[in-house]
Protein backbone atom coordinates (compact mmCIF):
# COMPACT_ATOMS: atom_id res chain seq x y z
CA MET A 1 -0.02 0.07 0.04
CA GLY A 2 1.44 3.42 -1.00
CA LYS A 3 2.21 6.10 1.50
CA PRO A 4 -0.53 8.72 1.76
CA VAL A 5 0.22 12.04 -0.02
CA ILE A 6 -1.28 15.24 1.64
CA SER A 7 -2.18 18.33 -0.34
CA LEU A 8 -1.65 21.59 1.61
CA ALA A 9 -0.15 25.04 1.39
CA LEU A 10 3.26 25.79 2.94
CA ALA A 11 4.58 29.33 2.94
CA GLY A 12 1.66 30.21 0.70
CA ILE A 13 2.62 27.61 -2.02
CA PRO A 14 0.40 24.51 -2.78
CA VAL A 15 2.50 21.38 -1.97
CA GLU A 16 1.96 17.55 -2.18
CA LEU A 17 3.63 16.24 1.09
CA GLU A 18 4.77 12.63 1.54
CA ARG A 19 6.36 11.57 4.76
CA LYS A 20 9.00 8.76 4.64
CA SER A 21 11.58 7.10 6.78
CA ILE A 22 14.28 9.52 5.54
CA LYS A 23 16.66 11.99 7.30
CA ASN A 24 16.48 14.93 4.85
CA ILE A 25 13.78 17.01 3.11
CA TYR A 26 13.55 16.67 -0.60
CA LEU A 27 11.85 19.06 -2.94
CA ARG A 28 10.86 18.53 -6.54
CA VAL A 29 8.83 20.55 -9.16
CA VAL A 30 7.10 18.12 -11.45
CA PRO A 31 5.82 18.77 -15.05
CA PRO A 32 3.42 19.24 -16.70
CA ALA A 33 1.74 21.40 -14.20
CA GLY A 34 4.70 22.42 -12.15
CA THR A 35 3.43 20.57 -9.07
CA VAL A 36 5.53 21.00 -5.94
CA ARG A 37 6.29 17.64 -4.18
CA LEU A 38 7.90 17.49 -0.81
CA SER A 39 9.29 14.32 0.73
CA ALA A 40 9.98 14.82 4.38
CA PRO A 41 11.06 12.86 7.47
CA LYS A 42 8.01 11.56 9.57
CA ARG A 43 9.02 13.74 12.53
CA ALA A 44 9.48 17.00 10.70
CA THR A 45 6.97 19.69 11.85
CA LEU A 46 4.84 21.80 9.49
CA GLU A 47 6.67 24.81 10.75
CA GLU A 48 10.06 23.33 9.70
CA LEU A 49 8.71 22.31 6.29
CA ALA A 50 7.17 25.73 5.75
CA ARG A 51 10.50 27.36 6.52
CA PHE A 52 12.24 24.97 4.01
CA VAL A 53 9.66 25.83 1.36
CA ALA A 54 10.02 29.61 1.98
CA LYS A 55 13.77 29.33 1.65
CA HIS A 56 13.41 27.69 -1.77
CA THR A 57 10.58 29.93 -3.08
CA ALA A 58 12.84 31.55 -5.80
CA TRP A 59 14.01 28.16 -6.92
CA ILE A 60 10.38 26.80 -7.11
CA GLU A 61 9.23 29.81 -9.13
CA GLU A 62 12.17 29.49 -11.49
CA LYS A 63 11.50 25.71 -12.11
CA GLN A 64 7.76 26.42 -12.57
CA ALA A 65 8.51 29.24 -15.11
CA LYS A 66 10.77 26.84 -17.10
CA ILE A 67 8.08 24.07 -17.13
CA ALA A 68 5.40 26.66 -18.21
CA ALA A 69 7.64 27.83 -21.07
CA SER A 70 8.39 24.36 -22.31
CA PRO A 71 6.14 23.13 -25.15
CA LEU A 72 3.99 20.22 -24.30
CA PRO A 73 5.10 16.92 -26.11
CA SER A 74 2.84 16.05 -28.97
CA ALA A 75 0.84 12.85 -28.72
CA ARG A 76 2.46 9.76 -30.17
CA ARG A 77 0.62 8.10 -33.01
CA PHE A 78 3.41 5.51 -33.75
CA LEU A 79 3.36 6.24 -37.50
CA SER A 80 6.14 6.15 -40.09
CA GLY A 81 8.42 9.17 -39.76
CA GLU A 82 8.18 9.68 -36.03
CA ARG A 83 11.38 9.70 -34.11
CA PHE A 84 12.29 7.38 -31.31
CA PHE A 85 15.53 7.16 -29.28
CA VAL A 86 17.48 3.96 -28.76
CA TRP A 87 20.66 4.14 -26.60
CA GLY A 88 20.90 7.85 -27.17
CA GLU A 89 20.52 7.69 -30.96
CA ALA A 90 17.42 9.07 -32.77
CA LEU A 91 15.87 6.52 -35.11
CA GLN A 92 13.17 7.13 -37.59
CA LEU A 93 10.11 4.73 -37.27
CA THR A 94 9.03 2.84 -40.35
CA VAL A 95 5.66 0.93 -40.07
CA LYS A 96 5.19 -1.93 -42.43
CA PHE A 97 2.35 -4.54 -42.88
CA GLY A 98 2.63 -8.06 -44.06
CA ARG A 99 1.64 -11.70 -43.30
CA GLY A 100 4.14 -12.31 -40.51
CA CYS A 101 3.85 -11.78 -36.80
CA ASN A 102 4.07 -8.35 -35.11
CA ILE A 103 7.78 -7.54 -34.51
CA VAL A 104 10.09 -4.62 -33.94
CA LEU A 105 13.54 -4.54 -35.63
CA ARG A 106 16.42 -2.01 -35.91
CA ASP A 107 17.84 -1.54 -39.35
CA GLY A 108 20.62 1.02 -39.24
CA SER A 109 19.07 4.41 -38.51
CA ARG A 110 15.62 3.01 -38.81
CA LEU A 111 13.30 1.41 -36.26
CA ILE A 112 11.01 -0.88 -38.10
CA LEU A 113 7.63 -1.85 -36.67
CA SER A 114 6.34 -4.75 -38.69
CA LEU A 115 2.67 -5.60 -38.17
CA LYS A 116 0.27 -8.16 -39.48
CA ALA A 117 -1.97 -6.77 -42.36
CA GLN A 118 -5.01 -6.90 -40.10
CA GLU A 119 -3.28 -4.65 -37.61
CA ALA A 120 -3.37 -1.67 -40.01
CA GLU A 121 -6.01 0.02 -37.79
CA SER A 122 -4.33 -0.80 -34.49
CA ILE A 123 -4.43 2.01 -31.95
CA PRO A 124 -1.38 3.93 -30.74
CA ALA A 125 -1.47 2.09 -27.37
CA GLU A 126 -1.17 -1.23 -28.95
CA ARG A 127 1.88 -0.13 -31.05
CA GLU A 128 3.36 1.46 -27.99
CA ALA A 129 3.11 -1.83 -26.17
CA LEU A 130 4.95 -3.58 -28.93
CA LEU A 131 7.80 -1.03 -28.77
CA ASN A 132 7.93 -1.07 -25.06
CA GLU A 133 8.47 -4.86 -25.15
CA TRP A 134 11.29 -4.28 -27.58
CA TYR A 135 12.82 -1.71 -25.39
CA ARG A 136 12.58 -4.18 -22.48
CA ARG A 137 14.47 -6.75 -24.42
CA GLU A 138 17.12 -4.22 -25.38
CA LEU A 139 17.50 -3.30 -21.68
CA ALA A 140 17.51 -6.91 -20.51
CA ARG A 141 20.37 -7.66 -22.98
CA ALA A 142 22.43 -4.63 -21.88
CA VAL A 143 22.13 -5.05 -18.10
CA PRO A 144 24.05 -8.25 -17.29
CA PRO A 145 27.56 -7.10 -18.41
CA LEU A 146 27.04 -3.69 -17.05
CA LEU A 147 25.79 -5.01 -13.70
CA ALA A 148 28.72 -7.46 -13.47
CA ARG A 149 31.27 -4.67 -14.00
CA ALA A 150 29.44 -2.32 -11.57
CA GLU A 151 29.42 -4.98 -8.88
CA THR A 152 33.15 -5.42 -9.18
CA ILE A 153 33.59 -1.59 -8.97
CA VAL A 154 31.18 -1.00 -5.96
CA GLY A 155 32.00 -4.20 -4.11
CA LYS A 156 28.36 -5.13 -3.58
CA SER A 157 26.08 -7.42 -5.58
CA ALA A 158 22.38 -7.50 -6.37
CA ALA A 159 20.43 -10.59 -5.61
CA GLU A 160 18.16 -9.93 -8.50
CA TRP A 161 17.15 -7.01 -10.90
CA ARG A 162 13.96 -6.36 -12.65
CA ILE A 163 12.69 -3.80 -15.29
CA LYS A 164 9.51 -1.73 -15.15
CA ASN A 165 8.20 1.46 -16.67
CA MET A 166 8.40 4.13 -13.99
CA LYS A 167 7.25 7.76 -14.23
CA THR A 168 9.42 9.44 -11.69
CA LYS A 169 12.49 7.30 -10.96
CA TRP A 170 15.28 5.81 -13.06
CA GLY A 171 15.88 3.00 -10.51
CA THR A 172 15.13 1.83 -7.01
CA CYS A 173 16.92 -0.49 -4.62
CA ASN A 174 15.32 -2.72 -2.01
CA ILE A 175 18.32 -2.91 0.45
CA ARG A 176 16.96 -5.76 2.51
CA ALA A 177 16.23 -7.89 -0.49
CA ARG A 178 19.15 -6.55 -2.57
CA ARG A 179 16.74 -6.14 -5.48
CA ILE A 180 17.24 -3.46 -8.05
CA TRP A 181 14.53 -2.15 -10.26
CA LEU A 182 15.50 -0.30 -13.58
CA ASN A 183 13.31 2.02 -15.57
CA LEU A 184 12.32 0.70 -18.97
CA GLN A 185 13.04 4.22 -20.40
CA LEU A 186 16.74 3.83 -19.90
CA ALA A 187 16.96 1.94 -23.14
CA LYS A 188 16.44 5.32 -24.78
CA TYR A 189 19.52 6.93 -23.26
CA PRO A 190 23.29 6.25 -23.86
CA SER A 191 24.39 3.11 -22.10
CA ALA A 192 26.68 5.16 -19.85
CA CYS A 193 23.45 6.47 -18.24
CA LEU A 194 22.30 2.92 -17.51
CA GLU A 195 25.61 2.11 -16.02
CA TYR A 196 25.36 5.18 -13.78
CA ILE A 197 21.93 4.20 -12.48
CA ILE A 198 23.18 0.64 -11.83
CA ILE A 199 26.12 1.97 -9.76
CA HIS A 200 23.85 4.48 -8.03
CA GLU A 201 21.46 1.68 -6.77
CA LEU A 202 24.29 -0.60 -5.90
CA THR A 203 25.88 2.22 -3.77
CA HIS A 204 22.70 2.19 -1.76
CA LEU A 205 23.86 -1.20 -0.36
CA TRP A 206 26.61 0.81 1.31
CA GLU A 207 24.65 3.90 2.18
CA ARG A 208 20.80 4.18 2.33
CA TYR A 209 20.56 7.96 2.11
CA HIS A 210 21.58 10.52 -0.54
CA ASN A 211 23.96 12.21 1.88
CA ALA A 212 27.60 13.46 1.74
CA HIS A 213 28.82 9.84 2.30
CA PHE A 214 26.77 8.49 -0.52
CA LYS A 215 28.11 11.18 -2.87
CA SER A 216 31.72 10.57 -1.83
CA LEU A 217 31.19 6.86 -2.65
CA MET A 218 29.69 7.82 -6.06
CA ASP A 219 32.72 9.99 -6.72
CA LYS A 220 34.90 6.92 -6.14
CA PHE A 221 32.83 4.43 -8.07
CA CYS A 222 31.77 6.66 -10.99
CA PRO A 223 33.86 9.95 -11.06
CA ASP A 224 31.75 11.54 -13.86
CA TRP A 225 28.36 10.55 -12.31
CA ARG A 226 27.21 14.16 -12.19
CA GLU A 227 27.69 14.49 -16.01
CA ARG A 228 25.81 11.32 -16.62
CA LYS A 229 23.03 12.38 -14.21
CA LYS A 230 22.71 15.56 -16.18
CA ILE A 231 22.37 13.63 -19.47
CA VAL A 232 19.69 11.21 -18.13
CA ASN A 233 17.64 14.03 -16.50
CA THR A 234 17.62 15.97 -19.84
CA PRO A 235 14.52 15.30 -21.91
CA LEU A 236 15.29 13.66 -25.24
CA GLY A 237 12.91 15.70 -27.18
CA ASP A 238 10.94 12.76 -28.33
């Protein structure tokens, strides 16, 4: 069962508040509406949270202004000519129809979606599901060698790893089970970003929180992690 999220105003700003078993307060401004989300320790008082929000008012307004100025992504129709990213490279989609089974293939700079003739009227959600399964296979193929290398670097190993389509996180780590979840969308970014996320999640087996100790470990395990983080947090424009 998910943790309850409370909507309230802090320092005059509408906020979605979620309390967690964490030490620090984390603030995010989330598109498309510029929603302010606050993750806070369970013991933090509303007065403390209001002071924190007030201190970051200028930052919040700047983020909301950037989101408001950004064009909304156009709805995908999954038709020939649309652009999709695979491992950081933009590929043009080509949709074909024939007698064979539904399949996705890469051919140089093209991403080919081959559908059965009777699928000509398939809706975008059905075509998206086919592409997402292809992305899942791409990610599943790329993870094992990167994970093995990362485990050697970090000195910790995952008991298992899984893939799912996540909206707000690139990865998560269940420390007790040593289970790592990786975002399906990572297959759209350069493989260096996938490696960074794997190292990041393994590092949580040394340090639960995103504190100074965690960052010092990341500096040791992946010296350019800040650059990789910037890349993976930059929209691809797709």
